[in-house]
Amino acid sequence: MKINSPLQAYEHLPKTNCGDCGEPTCMAFASHLIDRSRNVGDCPPLTGVEFKDNYDTLTDLLAPEIREVTIGTGDHAITIGGDDVLYRHKLTFFNKTAFAYEVCDTMDEDELVSQVNKIQNFSKFYIGDFLTLDAVAVRCLSGDADQFANAVRTVMETTDLPLILCSLDATVLDAALEVASSRRPLIYAATTDNWREVAGLVLTYHVPVVLSAPGDLDTLKSLALTFASIGIRDLVLDPGTSPTEGLRDSFENFLKIRRAGIEGQTDIAYPLMAVPMTAWAELDGVSAAYWESVLVSIFTIRYGDIMIMHSTEPYSLLPELHIRDTVYTDPRKPVMVDSGVFEIGSPSRNSPVFITTNFALTYYTVESDISSNDIDCHLCVVDTDGIGVEAAVAGGQLTAGKIKEAFDSAGFDVREKTDHGTVILPGLAARLQGDVEDATGLDVMIGPPDSGRIPQWLESKWEK
């Protein structure tokens, strides 16, 4: 992105404040262009003949420094790349690192289908969202083109996830692309030995391709320039992923390429592929799975856009998915849920009424602790701009007025809905007790500071 402020984008807009885009002013629309929540094409006047030059200029200025590459089709397509910054606090990272897990053409059909289903069906609920896997990498271990094509066909019949076709033999890749090109797979990989044949396949089937030159950045750049010169731009660069002794060099190569791309060297400004699966070439069992997860963590942070992994065991998947979710959570926006008064279980008129904030991690922790212990209650979620209890009390986002407003907005009259007329404040908000009693006219009890202690608290305090 060659501009980084709404004012710079505004200079290229019609400045009519027509509202056709759905925003009240052109400046408001410009701010959404910068944070990528809106596209240039969302401005109807810009798409007309009168402002064509403005449209072209703004499109070029807003294009990310690192080229975006789309793999797959339909609802399951994934986009990688698209970064504008080296550090997410400067803007944010937009396209999550894509996680692909391998299968191979030497598996029998039942094993192949079982593994693909394991990949596509994996799902872990985490802070209001489901963590899932993104793609299937089909590796050719047999060296047989027909066998590989049949394996790819079986995978396609089993899942709609995007595919990565892995072989250094152009003949093998050609056989697979005859079957799978309509799904826009990523092919892995073009090297100094096979680049002519692979380039021909890319031009024929119009698919993205990985360029691989492990540990040799000059060769990798040369390959990128060569492919770009013949019109192939949907490129992914693989600078090599060494699991142990060469890890430092691999890490530094990723840094060098990404820094150069962000700083304007367009000839290598492409998404990067890491292959943590290489850990299994040197190790085995839990040690290999451990080092694979280490590599995933490292290159999720710096700066892998897509990865190929082997282990699908939960002890590998969960840390990998959690760190990706953390890195790609926008640091400028608190993670929050809707406010309101919600039923947990089947509350009666004698059930407790708890209060918490709308910080997602707080809400889902409290909700989980309550529901997992089969506690029937009402939970009042106060809008604190996505801030947790203790910080919201200190910063003034959680106040007696906000609590009263939450009940009023939800139309929940505690005295009318319950026989006890009591609400329960979190222990970390104990100092608000008197203010809440004055503002709401309700009885207020102080609950535990940790929602995990709610069951014991109810036994000792509420039932008495």
Foldseek 3Di string as FASTA:
>chain_A
DQDQALVVLLVLDPQPLPCQLVDRGSSVVSRCLNLVVDDLVSDVVCPDPVSVVSSVVSVVNSQALFHWFWFFDDPQIFIWARDQDLAQVVRADAGFAAEEEEDELVDPLVVLLVVLCLQQVDWDDDLHDIFHHREYEYEYPPPDLVSSLVSLLSSVVRDRGTYEYEDADLSSVLSNCVNCLVGQHEYDAAEPVCNVSVLVVCVVSVHEHEYEDALDVVRQLVSLVVSVVVPHDRYEYENADDQPPCNVSNLVVLVVLCVVSSVRPSSSSYAYEYELQCLCVPDDDPSSLVSSLVSLLSCSSRPHRYYYHYDPDPVNPVSSRVSSVVRRDNPVAQAFDDFAKDWAAADAQLAAEEEWEGQSVGVVQLSCLCNVVVGTHIYGYFYLRNDGDLVSLVVVSDALVRSVVRCVVRVHQSVVRHVQQEHEYEQSNVVRQVVNCVSRVGHYHYDYNHSNCRVVRCVVPVVD
